[in-house]
Amino acid sequence: MAKRKSEDVNEIAFRVVKQSTSEPIPITAAKKRKNPAAVALGRLGGKKGGRARADKLDPARRREIASDAARKRWHKGKT
């Protein structure tokens, strides 16, 4: 039997009962799709956000944030 990640135990039990009573199994709707307009708006804001935040920071603070990030990347997993 193929693995079904999206179904929980209740959905599987429901399907088994329907099959055992020979009732037709209702076809569930496919995965809900995101509204393309909302996705575009969210992406637009996300693309602006990082640049706008960086523009508001002074160069010393940006350098501090960048060096902290680099230090954490290089020392990942080391104690």
Protein backbone atom coordinates (compact mmCIF):
# COMPACT_ATOMS: atom_id res chain seq x y z
CA MET A 1 0.00 0.00 0.00
CA ALA A 2 1.35 3.42 -0.90
CA LYS A 3 2.18 5.85 1.88
CA ARG A 4 -0.22 8.74 2.22
CA LYS A 5 1.30 11.57 4.19
CA SER A 6 -1.70 13.88 4.08
CA GLU A 7 -4.22 11.46 5.62
CA ASP A 8 -4.60 11.05 9.32
CA VAL A 9 -5.84 7.96 11.14
CA ASN A 10 -9.48 9.07 11.00
CA GLU A 11 -9.42 9.49 7.23
CA ILE A 12 -7.89 6.05 6.77
CA ALA A 13 -10.48 4.47 9.09
CA PHE A 14 -13.28 6.23 7.20
CA ARG A 15 -11.99 4.88 3.89
CA VAL A 16 -11.69 1.33 5.28
CA VAL A 17 -15.28 1.38 6.60
CA LYS A 18 -16.60 2.72 3.29
CA GLN A 19 -14.75 0.01 1.36
CA SER A 20 -15.97 -2.75 3.69
CA THR A 21 -19.62 -1.68 3.35
CA SER A 22 -19.29 -1.35 -0.45
CA GLU A 23 -20.38 2.28 -0.38
CA PRO A 24 -18.80 4.57 -2.93
CA ILE A 25 -15.84 6.49 -1.59
CA PRO A 26 -16.23 10.25 -1.96
CA ILE A 27 -13.43 11.87 -3.89
CA THR A 28 -11.79 14.47 -1.72
CA ALA A 29 -10.80 17.79 -3.17
CA ALA A 30 -7.21 18.21 -4.17
CA LYS A 31 -4.85 20.17 -1.97
CA LYS A 32 -6.06 23.72 -1.52
CA ARG A 33 -4.25 26.03 -3.85
CA LYS A 34 -3.09 29.45 -2.86
CA ASN A 35 -4.63 32.53 -4.37
CA PRO A 36 -2.11 33.67 -7.03
CA ALA A 37 -2.90 37.34 -6.37
CA ALA A 38 -2.18 36.93 -2.66
CA VAL A 39 1.04 35.07 -3.40
CA ALA A 40 2.17 37.86 -5.71
CA LEU A 41 1.42 40.52 -3.10
CA GLY A 42 3.24 38.59 -0.39
CA ARG A 43 6.26 38.07 -2.58
CA LEU A 44 6.29 41.74 -3.51
CA GLY A 45 6.34 42.77 0.14
CA GLY A 46 8.95 40.16 0.99
CA LYS A 47 11.25 41.38 -1.74
CA LYS A 48 11.01 44.94 -0.44
CA GLY A 49 11.28 44.07 3.24
CA GLY A 50 14.91 43.02 3.54
CA ARG A 51 16.21 45.93 1.51
CA ALA A 52 14.05 48.44 3.43
CA ARG A 53 15.32 47.07 6.76
CA ALA A 54 18.93 47.21 5.61
CA ASP A 55 18.51 50.81 4.43
CA LYS A 56 17.24 51.85 7.86
CA LEU A 57 20.24 50.36 9.69
CA ASP A 58 23.47 52.28 10.04
CA PRO A 59 26.57 50.65 8.51
CA ALA A 60 28.06 49.70 11.89
CA ARG A 61 24.93 47.79 12.92
CA ARG A 62 24.73 46.04 9.52
CA ARG A 63 28.37 44.97 9.88
CA GLU A 64 27.67 43.67 13.39
CA ILE A 65 24.68 41.63 12.20
CA ALA A 66 26.66 40.23 9.27
CA SER A 67 29.65 39.26 11.42
CA ASP A 68 27.38 37.56 13.99
CA ALA A 69 25.71 35.58 11.20
CA ALA A 70 29.07 34.55 9.72
CA ARG A 71 30.39 33.53 13.14
CA LYS A 72 27.34 31.37 13.76
CA ARG A 73 27.66 29.74 10.31
CA TRP A 74 31.32 28.88 10.80
CA HIS A 75 30.93 27.64 14.36
CA LYS A 76 27.79 25.61 13.76
CA GLY A 77 27.93 22.30 15.59
CA LYS A 78 31.08 23.17 17.52
CA THR A 79 30.80 23.59 21.27
